[in-house]
Protein backbone atom coordinates (compact mmCIF):
# COMPACT_ATOMS: atom_id res chain seq x y z
CA UNK A 1 -14.67 26.53 23.63
CA UNK A 2 -12.49 23.63 24.87
CA UNK A 3 -8.84 23.60 23.79
CA UNK A 4 -7.03 20.61 22.29
CA UNK A 5 -4.42 19.03 24.56
CA UNK A 6 -1.52 16.83 23.62
CA UNK A 7 -1.38 14.05 26.18
CA UNK A 8 1.76 12.40 27.66
CA UNK A 9 2.58 9.62 30.11
CA UNK A 10 6.00 8.45 31.34
CA UNK A 11 7.57 5.29 29.91
CA UNK A 12 4.52 4.08 27.81
CA UNK A 13 5.60 1.27 25.64
CA UNK A 14 4.18 -2.03 24.52
CA UNK A 15 4.10 -4.35 21.50
CA UNK A 16 1.44 -4.77 18.83
CA UNK A 17 -0.86 -7.70 19.55
CA UNK A 18 -1.41 -8.30 15.86
CA UNK A 19 0.11 -6.93 12.63
CA UNK A 20 -1.39 -3.84 10.85
CA UNK A 21 -1.40 -2.82 7.21
CA UNK A 22 0.12 0.49 6.08
CA UNK A 23 -3.46 2.09 6.09
CA UNK A 24 -4.97 0.53 9.23
CA UNK A 25 -6.65 3.19 11.45
CA UNK A 26 -6.70 1.15 14.64
CA UNK A 27 -4.12 -1.05 16.36
CA UNK A 28 -4.17 -3.25 19.50
CA UNK A 29 -1.34 -3.28 22.00
CA UNK A 30 -0.46 -6.38 24.08
CA UNK A 31 -3.20 -7.42 26.39
CA UNK A 32 -3.54 -5.21 29.50
CA UNK A 33 -1.05 -2.58 28.35
CA UNK A 34 -3.40 0.00 26.94
CA UNK A 35 -3.61 1.66 30.32
CA UNK A 36 0.03 2.60 30.11
CA UNK A 37 -1.09 5.19 27.36
CA UNK A 38 -3.17 8.25 27.77
CA UNK A 39 -6.96 8.17 27.25
CA UNK A 40 -7.87 11.11 24.91
CA UNK A 41 -11.35 12.50 25.03
CA UNK A 42 -12.85 15.23 22.83
CA UNK A 43 -10.06 16.62 20.54
CA UNK A 44 -7.14 15.57 22.70
CA UNK A 45 -4.54 13.31 21.30
CA UNK A 46 -1.03 11.80 21.74
CA UNK A 47 1.69 10.69 19.41
CA UNK A 48 3.25 7.25 19.38
CA UNK A 49 6.11 5.78 17.44
CA UNK A 50 5.84 2.34 15.77
CA UNK A 51 9.11 0.52 15.09
CA UNK A 52 10.01 -2.85 13.78
CA UNK A 53 11.32 -5.21 16.44
CA UNK A 54 13.92 -6.78 14.18
CA UNK A 55 15.99 -3.69 13.51
CA UNK A 56 14.29 -0.75 15.00
CA UNK A 57 15.14 1.12 11.84
CA UNK A 58 11.61 1.08 10.28
CA UNK A 59 9.76 3.90 12.08
CA UNK A 60 6.33 5.50 11.72
CA UNK A 61 4.82 8.22 13.95
CA UNK A 62 1.00 8.12 14.42
CA UNK A 63 -1.41 10.44 16.17
CA UNK A 64 -3.74 8.61 18.57
CA UNK A 65 -7.18 10.26 18.95
CA UNK A 66 -8.94 7.59 20.99
CA UNK A 67 -8.15 4.57 23.17
CA UNK A 68 -10.58 1.80 24.21
CA UNK A 69 -8.85 -0.54 26.59
CA UNK A 70 -5.99 -1.93 24.43
CA UNK A 71 -7.13 -0.58 21.08
CA UNK A 72 -5.92 2.74 19.76
CA UNK A 73 -7.51 4.75 16.96
CA UNK A 74 -4.78 6.37 14.96
CA UNK A 75 -4.09 8.77 12.12
CA UNK A 76 -1.15 7.38 10.08
CA UNK A 77 2.08 8.80 8.63
CA UNK A 78 2.57 11.87 10.94
CA UNK A 79 5.52 14.15 11.18
CA UNK A 80 7.06 13.28 7.86
CA UNK A 81 6.80 9.46 8.28
CA UNK A 82 5.12 7.10 5.83
CA UNK A 83 2.36 4.65 6.48
CA UNK A 84 4.10 1.18 6.93
CA UNK A 85 2.89 -2.28 7.63
CA UNK A 86 3.98 -3.67 11.02
CA UNK A 87 4.04 -7.12 12.46
CA UNK A 88 2.74 -8.58 15.70
CA UNK A 89 5.31 -7.96 18.46
CA UNK A 90 6.68 -4.84 16.77
CA UNK A 91 7.18 -1.88 19.22
CA UNK A 92 4.88 0.97 20.10
CA UNK A 93 6.14 3.66 22.36
CA UNK A 94 5.08 7.15 23.44
CA UNK A 95 8.26 9.11 22.72
CA UNK A 96 9.02 12.81 22.68
CA UNK A 97 9.29 14.05 19.11
CA UNK A 98 10.60 17.33 17.63
CA UNK A 99 7.22 18.21 16.28
CA UNK A 100 5.62 17.57 19.68
CA UNK A 101 7.99 19.94 21.32
CA UNK A 102 7.34 22.61 18.63
CA UNK A 103 3.62 22.21 19.30
CA UNK A 104 4.27 23.03 22.94
CA UNK A 105 6.17 26.12 21.98
CA UNK A 106 3.28 27.36 19.83
CA UNK A 107 0.92 27.22 22.76
CA UNK A 108 2.55 30.08 24.64
């Protein structure tokens, strides 16, 4: 049986190409920037943080389970955050999270 792996890349960040609703399950990053993010297969995944460009105070963590070029398939409202609408040009970044680190600790 294959194990699930949390994926990471260094310095992956972009902006949203278009706005998303608070329940959207896919999002598109700026053209050509999808390759900055991991490409999950099987049950692999990675977490990304969405934040508003205006203040950086509105934050949601989502779990990405698939990427096709610049489009990410996501599960919303992860790690105690709430599903939130975001606008085109808002930020998306692969950041370390406390939960992500706790997941690593549970693998040993």
